[in-house]
Amino acid sequence: MSAENYQNSILDKVIAASEENELASFDPVEIVGILFRELPDREQDILRRRFGLHGKRSETLEQIGKTYNVTRERVRQIENAAIKHIKGLGHFPEAMKPVDTVVIHVLEKHGGIMAEDHLLEYVLQIANAEPSHGSHLLFLLNKLSSSQVLREHKEGFYPVWRIEVIDWDKADQTIDSLVSIFENHGQPITKDELLNRFKQTDTYRAHRDHFGFDDETMEPIHAHLRVSEQFKANPFDEWGLAHWNTITPKRMGDKIYLVMKKHSKPMHFRDIAEQINGAQFDRKRAYPPTVHNELILDDRYVLVGRGIYALKEWGFVPGVVSDVIANILKEKSEPLTRDEIVEAVLEQRLVKKGTVYLALSNNSKFGKGGDGKYFLAS
């Protein structure tokens, strides 16, 4: 590593540590408290109730007006006056500085554009803050911030915060490119694999500087996934198109399929039900008898042991053990020894060897030559 690159690397680490410290010490509740100190009690109460800063849901102008026996319009006037009062405080710019600094740093780290939920989730997680702190941060951003950060809500997108210089057209192009990757792949994909595929696109190269895309970090791409309603992650942190049943499964059969696909091995129907409930696809609880009935009726699944099922697409053959033996002999097109048949069957079924021996004794299906090898009876 050259001296210049080494210095840049050290500088990057120092900057990253500084930003991490800013986030860790960021407390929007404390900032709101500082700004509210010089407000009359009634103005404080109205703002807290209006914007959900009191640990409860935000209240309407009408609800607040009934408490104070004033009109909705009067509550609005008091609210506006209180905001104006806060902005006129001598310490207002200094108190707001951490808000603008932290939010801009977080947005820059994520390509300059983030869904509101994503922004709150990231800031509050790093700051180790309570979920209720989100309402305080939104109040500061929506009502008091003067930074070059915009809140927008376009059709097909979740509410978004964007640094003013970030180009919406370029964001749309990036999202179109991600849609194409998913459509071509046809199934859910991990973030690492998505990054590898996206790096091969013209969009990645064209917008690399604009959004800060690079070969290692997923943040700017993840931010694009979070802003668009077209994308969603399933409970196993795989991303895809929101309408896919492998991303947003609604029917029990789709939930079973997704759980089994994720575990990549045969599973007992009780374990499948437990995994479905643990994944929390929705509020509907999966019960073992319901799961078992679905497995029996859906030809995507094959019974391979006592209550144990596998996906047919894994190469498992439907039917009883004698059907599996018959299929093995057909595929081999030659007689096989008992041990060879047992070994092949145990790759398809979770049964005891004695079960295979019993099936081979069916003279109407299988014959045995003088060399001890078995063949299909004509």
Protein backbone atom coordinates (compact mmCIF):
# COMPACT_ATOMS: atom_id res chain seq x y z
CA MET A 1 0.00 0.00 0.00
CA SER A 2 1.38 3.41 -0.94
CA ALA A 3 1.91 6.11 1.70
CA GLU A 4 -0.94 8.14 0.20
CA ASN A 5 -3.35 5.20 0.23
CA TYR A 6 -2.32 4.35 3.78
CA GLN A 7 -3.04 7.91 4.91
CA ASN A 8 -6.40 7.85 3.12
CA SER A 9 -7.25 4.56 4.82
CA ILE A 10 -6.41 5.98 8.25
CA LEU A 11 -8.44 9.12 7.47
CA ASP A 12 -11.44 7.00 6.42
CA LYS A 13 -11.28 5.11 9.71
CA VAL A 14 -11.05 8.33 11.71
CA ILE A 15 -14.05 9.79 9.85
CA ALA A 16 -16.04 6.57 10.29
CA ALA A 17 -15.26 6.51 14.02
CA SER A 18 -16.29 10.15 14.36
CA GLU A 19 -19.61 9.54 12.59
CA GLU A 20 -20.23 6.44 14.70
CA ASN A 21 -19.66 8.47 17.87
CA GLU A 22 -22.04 11.17 16.64
CA LEU A 23 -24.74 8.58 16.05
CA ALA A 24 -24.14 6.78 19.33
CA SER A 25 -24.57 10.00 21.32
CA PHE A 26 -27.46 11.36 19.24
CA ASP A 27 -30.60 11.88 21.34
CA PRO A 28 -33.55 13.59 19.59
CA VAL A 29 -35.60 13.55 22.80
CA GLU A 30 -32.94 15.57 24.59
CA ILE A 31 -32.79 18.06 21.70
CA VAL A 32 -36.58 18.52 21.76
CA GLY A 33 -36.40 19.03 25.53
CA ILE A 34 -33.76 21.76 25.13
CA LEU A 35 -35.84 23.57 22.50
CA PHE A 36 -39.06 23.30 24.51
CA ARG A 37 -37.66 24.76 27.75
CA GLU A 38 -38.64 28.34 26.97
CA LEU A 39 -42.12 27.50 25.68
CA PRO A 40 -45.20 28.05 27.87
CA ASP A 41 -46.70 24.83 29.22
CA ARG A 42 -49.73 25.00 26.93
CA GLU A 43 -47.58 25.35 23.80
CA GLN A 44 -45.39 22.45 24.92
CA ASP A 45 -48.41 20.24 25.55
CA ILE A 46 -50.01 21.08 22.21
CA LEU A 47 -46.83 20.29 20.26
CA ARG A 48 -46.24 17.05 22.18
CA ARG A 49 -49.78 15.84 21.58
CA ARG A 50 -49.93 17.08 18.00
CA PHE A 51 -46.75 15.20 16.97
CA GLY A 52 -46.89 12.19 19.29
CA LEU A 53 -44.05 13.36 21.54
CA HIS A 54 -45.82 12.29 24.72
CA GLY A 55 -45.49 8.54 24.25
CA LYS A 56 -48.90 8.20 22.63
CA ARG A 57 -50.38 8.50 19.15
CA SER A 58 -50.47 11.97 17.63
CA GLU A 59 -53.78 13.81 18.09
CA THR A 60 -55.80 15.85 15.63
CA LEU A 61 -56.36 19.59 15.89
CA GLU A 62 -59.97 18.87 16.79
CA GLN A 63 -59.07 16.48 19.62
CA ILE A 64 -56.64 18.96 21.13
CA GLY A 65 -59.11 21.83 20.66
CA LYS A 66 -61.75 20.01 22.73
CA THR A 67 -59.28 19.69 25.61
CA TYR A 68 -58.64 23.44 25.67
CA ASN A 69 -62.15 24.43 24.57
CA VAL A 70 -60.83 26.26 21.49
CA THR A 71 -61.33 25.84 17.74
CA ARG A 72 -59.20 23.73 15.43
CA GLU A 73 -57.94 26.93 13.82
CA ARG A 74 -56.88 28.33 17.17
CA VAL A 75 -54.87 25.16 17.90
CA ARG A 76 -53.20 25.54 14.51
CA GLN A 77 -52.31 29.17 15.31
CA ILE A 78 -50.81 28.18 18.67
CA GLU A 79 -48.83 25.37 16.97
CA ASN A 80 -47.42 27.74 14.32
CA ALA A 81 -46.58 30.36 16.92
CA ALA A 82 -44.74 27.79 19.03
CA ILE A 83 -42.68 26.63 16.04
CA LYS A 84 -41.83 30.25 15.20
CA HIS A 85 -40.88 30.84 18.83
CA ILE A 86 -38.49 27.88 18.81
CA LYS A 87 -36.81 28.98 15.56
CA GLY A 88 -36.23 32.41 17.06
CA LEU A 89 -34.31 31.10 20.07
CA GLY A 90 -30.68 32.19 20.24
CA HIS A 91 -29.46 28.64 20.82
CA PHE A 92 -31.71 27.16 18.09
CA PRO A 93 -28.98 26.76 15.38
CA GLU A 94 -26.57 25.08 17.82
CA ALA A 95 -29.26 22.76 19.20
CA MET A 96 -30.31 21.68 15.68
CA LYS A 97 -26.77 21.14 14.40
CA PRO A 98 -26.57 17.47 15.55
CA VAL A 99 -29.85 16.69 13.75
CA ASP A 100 -28.70 18.02 10.40
CA THR A 101 -25.22 16.53 10.77
CA VAL A 102 -26.38 13.04 11.71
CA VAL A 103 -29.15 12.81 9.11
CA ILE A 104 -26.96 14.03 6.27
CA HIS A 105 -24.16 11.65 7.26
CA VAL A 106 -26.58 8.71 7.35
CA LEU A 107 -28.12 9.65 4.00
CA GLU A 108 -24.70 10.05 2.39
CA LYS A 109 -23.71 6.60 3.67
CA HIS A 110 -26.80 5.18 1.95
CA GLY A 111 -26.48 6.94 -1.39
CA GLY A 112 -28.37 10.11 -0.47
CA ILE A 113 -31.85 8.58 -0.48
CA MET A 114 -33.64 6.45 2.12
CA ALA A 115 -37.13 5.33 2.99
CA GLU A 116 -38.34 7.11 6.12
CA ASP A 117 -38.70 3.83 8.04
CA HIS A 118 -35.19 2.82 6.98
CA LEU A 119 -33.72 6.16 8.09
CA LEU A 120 -35.41 6.00 11.51
CA GLU A 121 -34.50 2.36 11.97
CA TYR A 122 -30.83 3.01 11.18
CA VAL A 123 -30.42 6.17 13.28
CA LEU A 124 -32.28 4.83 16.32
CA GLN A 125 -30.53 1.46 16.20
CA ILE A 126 -27.04 2.96 16.13
CA ALA A 127 -28.02 5.50 18.78
CA ASN A 128 -29.48 2.64 20.87
CA ALA A 129 -32.64 4.72 21.26
CA GLU A 130 -36.20 3.76 22.10
CA PRO A 131 -38.67 3.38 19.19
CA SER A 132 -40.63 6.37 20.57
CA HIS A 133 -37.61 8.56 19.80
CA GLY A 134 -38.59 8.28 16.13
CA SER A 135 -41.48 10.71 16.56
CA HIS A 136 -39.07 13.25 18.07
CA LEU A 137 -36.64 12.90 15.16
CA LEU A 138 -39.45 13.29 12.61
CA PHE A 139 -40.73 16.38 14.42
CA LEU A 140 -37.25 17.94 14.29
CA LEU A 141 -36.84 17.10 10.60
CA ASN A 142 -40.32 18.04 9.44
CA LYS A 143 -40.85 21.20 11.46
CA LEU A 144 -37.48 22.62 12.41
CA SER A 145 -34.70 21.43 10.10
CA SER A 146 -33.40 23.83 7.47
CA SER A 147 -30.88 21.42 5.91
CA GLN A 148 -30.91 20.49 2.22
CA VAL A 149 -32.92 17.35 2.92
CA LEU A 150 -36.35 16.76 1.40
CA ARG A 151 -39.22 14.50 2.39
CA GLU A 152 -41.20 13.16 -0.57
CA HIS A 153 -43.84 10.53 -1.23
CA LYS A 154 -44.19 9.45 -4.86
CA GLU A 155 -46.53 6.83 -6.25
CA GLY A 156 -44.97 3.38 -6.02
CA PHE A 157 -42.55 4.50 -3.31
CA TYR A 158 -42.59 4.63 0.46
CA PRO A 159 -42.13 8.05 2.11
CA VAL A 160 -38.55 9.05 1.29
CA TRP A 161 -35.89 11.40 2.64
CA ARG A 162 -33.51 12.66 -0.04
CA ILE A 163 -30.52 14.97 -0.17
CA GLU A 164 -31.56 17.72 -2.58
CA VAL A 165 -28.77 17.07 -5.09
CA ILE A 166 -29.75 13.41 -5.56
CA ASP A 167 -31.42 12.87 -8.94
CA TRP A 168 -34.77 11.03 -8.89
CA ASP A 169 -34.34 9.94 -12.53
CA LYS A 170 -31.10 8.18 -11.64
CA ALA A 171 -32.83 6.52 -8.68
CA ASP A 172 -35.61 5.31 -11.02
CA GLN A 173 -33.01 3.89 -13.41
CA THR A 174 -31.29 2.06 -10.57
CA ILE A 175 -34.58 0.56 -9.43
CA ASP A 176 -35.40 -0.53 -13.01
CA SER A 177 -32.01 -2.24 -13.18
CA LEU A 178 -32.67 -4.09 -9.91
CA VAL A 179 -36.10 -5.18 -11.19
CA SER A 180 -34.43 -6.66 -14.29
CA ILE A 181 -31.97 -8.59 -12.14
CA PHE A 182 -34.79 -10.12 -10.10
CA GLU A 183 -36.89 -10.92 -13.17
CA ASN A 184 -33.97 -12.61 -14.91
CA HIS A 185 -33.01 -14.58 -11.80
CA GLY A 186 -36.62 -15.57 -11.12
CA GLN A 187 -36.24 -16.32 -7.43
CA PRO A 188 -35.22 -14.67 -4.13
CA ILE A 189 -31.60 -13.65 -3.82
CA THR A 190 -29.25 -12.71 -0.98
CA LYS A 191 -27.94 -9.16 -0.71
CA ASP A 192 -24.38 -10.31 -1.40
CA GLU A 193 -25.38 -12.08 -4.60
CA LEU A 194 -27.49 -9.10 -5.65
CA LEU A 195 -24.49 -6.80 -5.16
CA ASN A 196 -22.36 -9.09 -7.34
CA ARG A 197 -24.97 -9.08 -10.11
CA PHE A 198 -25.63 -5.35 -9.89
CA LYS A 199 -21.90 -4.59 -10.22
CA GLN A 200 -22.04 -6.09 -13.72
CA THR A 201 -24.68 -3.62 -14.95
CA ASP A 202 -24.25 -0.41 -16.92
CA THR A 203 -26.36 1.36 -14.28
CA TYR A 204 -23.82 0.56 -11.59
CA ARG A 205 -21.02 2.07 -13.64
CA ALA A 206 -23.08 5.09 -14.77
CA HIS A 207 -24.31 6.06 -11.28
CA ARG A 208 -21.37 4.90 -9.22
CA ASP A 209 -20.21 8.40 -8.29
CA HIS A 210 -23.71 9.82 -7.89
CA PHE A 211 -24.86 7.30 -5.28
CA GLY A 212 -21.49 6.21 -3.92
CA PHE A 213 -21.79 2.62 -5.16
CA ASP A 214 -18.67 0.54 -4.55
CA ASP A 215 -17.55 -3.08 -4.73
CA GLU A 216 -17.84 -3.81 -1.03
CA THR A 217 -20.74 -1.95 0.56
CA MET A 218 -24.39 -2.82 0.10
CA GLU A 219 -25.84 0.27 1.83
CA PRO A 220 -26.70 2.44 -1.23
CA ILE A 221 -28.25 -0.52 -3.06
CA HIS A 222 -30.12 -1.64 0.06
CA ALA A 223 -31.47 1.90 0.38
CA HIS A 224 -32.86 1.71 -3.18
CA LEU A 225 -34.52 -1.62 -2.34
CA ARG A 226 -36.16 -0.07 0.71
CA VAL A 227 -37.58 3.01 -1.04
CA SER A 228 -39.52 1.13 -3.73
CA GLU A 229 -42.75 -0.76 -3.13
CA GLN A 230 -41.67 -3.21 -5.86
CA PHE A 231 -39.15 -4.94 -3.58
CA LYS A 232 -39.40 -6.83 -0.34
CA ALA A 233 -37.35 -9.23 1.76
CA ASN A 234 -38.75 -12.53 2.97
CA PRO A 235 -38.20 -13.62 6.61
CA PHE A 236 -34.92 -15.29 5.59
CA ASP A 237 -33.38 -11.97 4.46
CA GLU A 238 -33.62 -12.84 0.77
CA TRP A 239 -34.83 -10.10 -1.57
CA GLY A 240 -37.11 -10.26 -4.56
CA LEU A 241 -40.19 -8.73 -6.16
CA ALA A 242 -42.88 -8.04 -3.57
CA HIS A 243 -45.60 -9.93 -5.47
CA TRP A 244 -43.66 -13.22 -5.56
CA ASN A 245 -45.15 -15.91 -3.34
CA THR A 246 -41.58 -16.79 -2.28
CA ILE A 247 -41.24 -13.24 -0.92
CA THR A 248 -44.76 -12.55 0.36
CA PRO A 249 -46.32 -16.00 0.80
CA LYS A 250 -50.04 -15.93 1.52
CA ARG A 251 -51.20 -19.52 1.08
CA MET A 252 -50.06 -22.23 3.50
CA GLY A 253 -48.54 -24.21 0.63
CA ASP A 254 -46.29 -21.29 -0.29
CA LYS A 255 -45.14 -20.87 3.32
CA ILE A 256 -44.31 -24.57 3.50
CA TYR A 257 -42.39 -24.37 0.24
CA LEU A 258 -40.36 -21.36 1.35
CA VAL A 259 -39.44 -22.94 4.72
CA MET A 260 -38.37 -26.22 3.11
CA LYS A 261 -36.47 -24.43 0.36
CA LYS A 262 -34.58 -22.46 3.00
CA HIS A 263 -33.66 -25.53 5.06
CA SER A 264 -32.70 -27.58 1.98
CA LYS A 265 -33.48 -30.94 3.57
CA PRO A 266 -36.47 -33.19 4.33
CA MET A 267 -38.49 -32.05 7.36
CA HIS A 268 -41.17 -33.47 9.63
CA PHE A 269 -44.51 -31.72 9.26
CA ARG A 270 -44.44 -30.64 12.92
CA ASP A 271 -41.04 -29.00 12.43
CA ILE A 272 -42.34 -27.25 9.31
CA ALA A 273 -45.26 -25.79 11.29
CA GLU A 274 -42.86 -24.60 13.98
CA GLN A 275 -40.59 -22.94 11.43
CA ILE A 276 -43.54 -21.19 9.74
CA ASN A 277 -44.65 -19.74 13.06
CA GLY A 278 -41.11 -18.68 13.88
CA ALA A 279 -40.74 -16.89 10.54
CA GLN A 280 -43.86 -14.80 11.28
CA PHE A 281 -44.95 -14.40 7.67
CA ASP A 282 -48.19 -12.93 9.00
CA ARG A 283 -50.46 -13.17 12.04
CA LYS A 284 -51.95 -16.51 10.96
CA ARG A 285 -50.70 -19.42 13.04
CA ALA A 286 -49.73 -22.69 11.35
CA TYR A 287 -51.01 -25.87 13.02
CA PRO A 288 -49.35 -29.27 12.35
CA PRO A 289 -52.55 -30.99 11.10
CA THR A 290 -53.15 -28.14 8.63
CA VAL A 291 -49.56 -28.33 7.40
CA HIS A 292 -49.81 -32.13 7.07
CA ASN A 293 -53.00 -31.90 5.01
CA GLU A 294 -51.36 -29.36 2.70
CA LEU A 295 -48.31 -31.59 2.23
CA ILE A 296 -50.52 -34.56 1.32
CA LEU A 297 -52.55 -32.62 -1.24
CA ASP A 298 -49.74 -30.65 -2.94
CA ASP A 299 -47.70 -32.59 -5.51
CA ARG A 300 -44.66 -30.36 -4.86
CA TYR A 301 -43.98 -32.47 -1.77
CA VAL A 302 -42.99 -36.14 -1.42
CA LEU A 303 -43.40 -38.31 1.67
CA VAL A 304 -39.95 -39.77 2.36
CA GLY A 305 -40.35 -41.07 5.91
CA ARG A 306 -42.82 -41.28 8.76
CA GLY A 307 -44.31 -37.76 8.69
CA ILE A 308 -41.21 -36.48 6.86
CA TYR A 309 -41.49 -34.67 3.53
CA ALA A 310 -39.10 -33.42 0.84
CA LEU A 311 -39.48 -31.21 -2.19
CA LYS A 312 -40.11 -33.11 -5.39
CA GLU A 313 -37.76 -30.73 -7.21
CA TRP A 314 -34.86 -32.12 -5.15
CA GLY A 315 -35.14 -35.34 -7.18
CA PHE A 316 -37.34 -37.33 -4.82
CA VAL A 317 -39.70 -39.76 -6.57
CA PRO A 318 -43.33 -39.96 -5.39
CA GLY A 319 -44.74 -43.30 -4.30
CA VAL A 320 -44.09 -46.13 -1.87
CA VAL A 321 -40.72 -47.86 -1.51
CA SER A 322 -41.50 -50.42 -4.23
CA ASP A 323 -42.20 -47.56 -6.65
CA VAL A 324 -38.84 -46.00 -5.77
CA ILE A 325 -37.07 -49.34 -6.39
CA ALA A 326 -38.83 -49.72 -9.74
CA ASN A 327 -37.76 -46.24 -10.78
CA ILE A 328 -34.15 -46.94 -9.75
CA LEU A 329 -34.04 -50.15 -11.82
CA LYS A 330 -35.57 -48.34 -14.82
CA GLU A 331 -32.98 -45.57 -14.65
CA LYS A 332 -30.05 -48.01 -14.30
CA SER A 333 -31.37 -50.25 -17.11
CA GLU A 334 -29.55 -53.21 -15.57
CA PRO A 335 -29.97 -55.60 -12.63
CA LEU A 336 -28.61 -54.42 -9.27
CA THR A 337 -27.50 -56.13 -6.09
CA ARG A 338 -29.59 -55.82 -2.96
CA ASP A 339 -26.98 -53.57 -1.35
CA GLU A 340 -26.90 -51.29 -4.41
CA ILE A 341 -30.69 -51.00 -4.33
CA VAL A 342 -30.74 -50.31 -0.58
CA GLU A 343 -28.12 -47.58 -0.94
CA ALA A 344 -30.08 -45.90 -3.76
CA VAL A 345 -33.41 -46.15 -1.90
CA LEU A 346 -31.96 -44.62 1.29
CA GLU A 347 -31.02 -41.57 -0.75
CA GLN A 348 -34.72 -41.20 -1.53
CA ARG A 349 -36.44 -42.43 1.62
CA LEU A 350 -35.83 -42.26 5.36
CA VAL A 351 -36.70 -45.92 6.01
CA LYS A 352 -35.04 -48.96 7.57
CA LYS A 353 -33.20 -51.49 5.39
CA GLY A 354 -35.77 -54.12 6.37
CA THR A 355 -38.46 -52.05 4.64
CA VAL A 356 -36.47 -52.23 1.40
CA TYR A 357 -35.91 -56.00 1.79
CA LEU A 358 -39.65 -56.47 2.27
CA ALA A 359 -40.45 -54.47 -0.88
CA LEU A 360 -37.94 -56.55 -2.90
CA SER A 361 -39.79 -59.71 -1.88
CA ASN A 362 -42.75 -58.64 -4.04
CA ASN A 363 -42.40 -61.25 -6.82
CA SER A 364 -45.03 -59.55 -8.96
CA LYS A 365 -42.75 -56.50 -9.29
CA PHE A 366 -39.19 -57.79 -8.94
CA GLY A 367 -37.26 -60.81 -10.00
CA LYS A 368 -33.94 -62.19 -8.76
CA GLY A 369 -31.35 -63.70 -11.07
CA GLY A 370 -28.92 -66.52 -10.40
CA ASP A 371 -26.22 -63.93 -9.70
CA GLY A 372 -28.29 -62.50 -6.84
CA LYS A 373 -29.13 -59.30 -8.66
CA TYR A 374 -32.66 -57.90 -8.90
CA PHE A 375 -34.53 -56.83 -12.00
CA LEU A 376 -38.01 -55.59 -12.90
CA ALA A 377 -40.46 -58.42 -13.43
CA SER A 378 -42.01 -58.35 -16.87
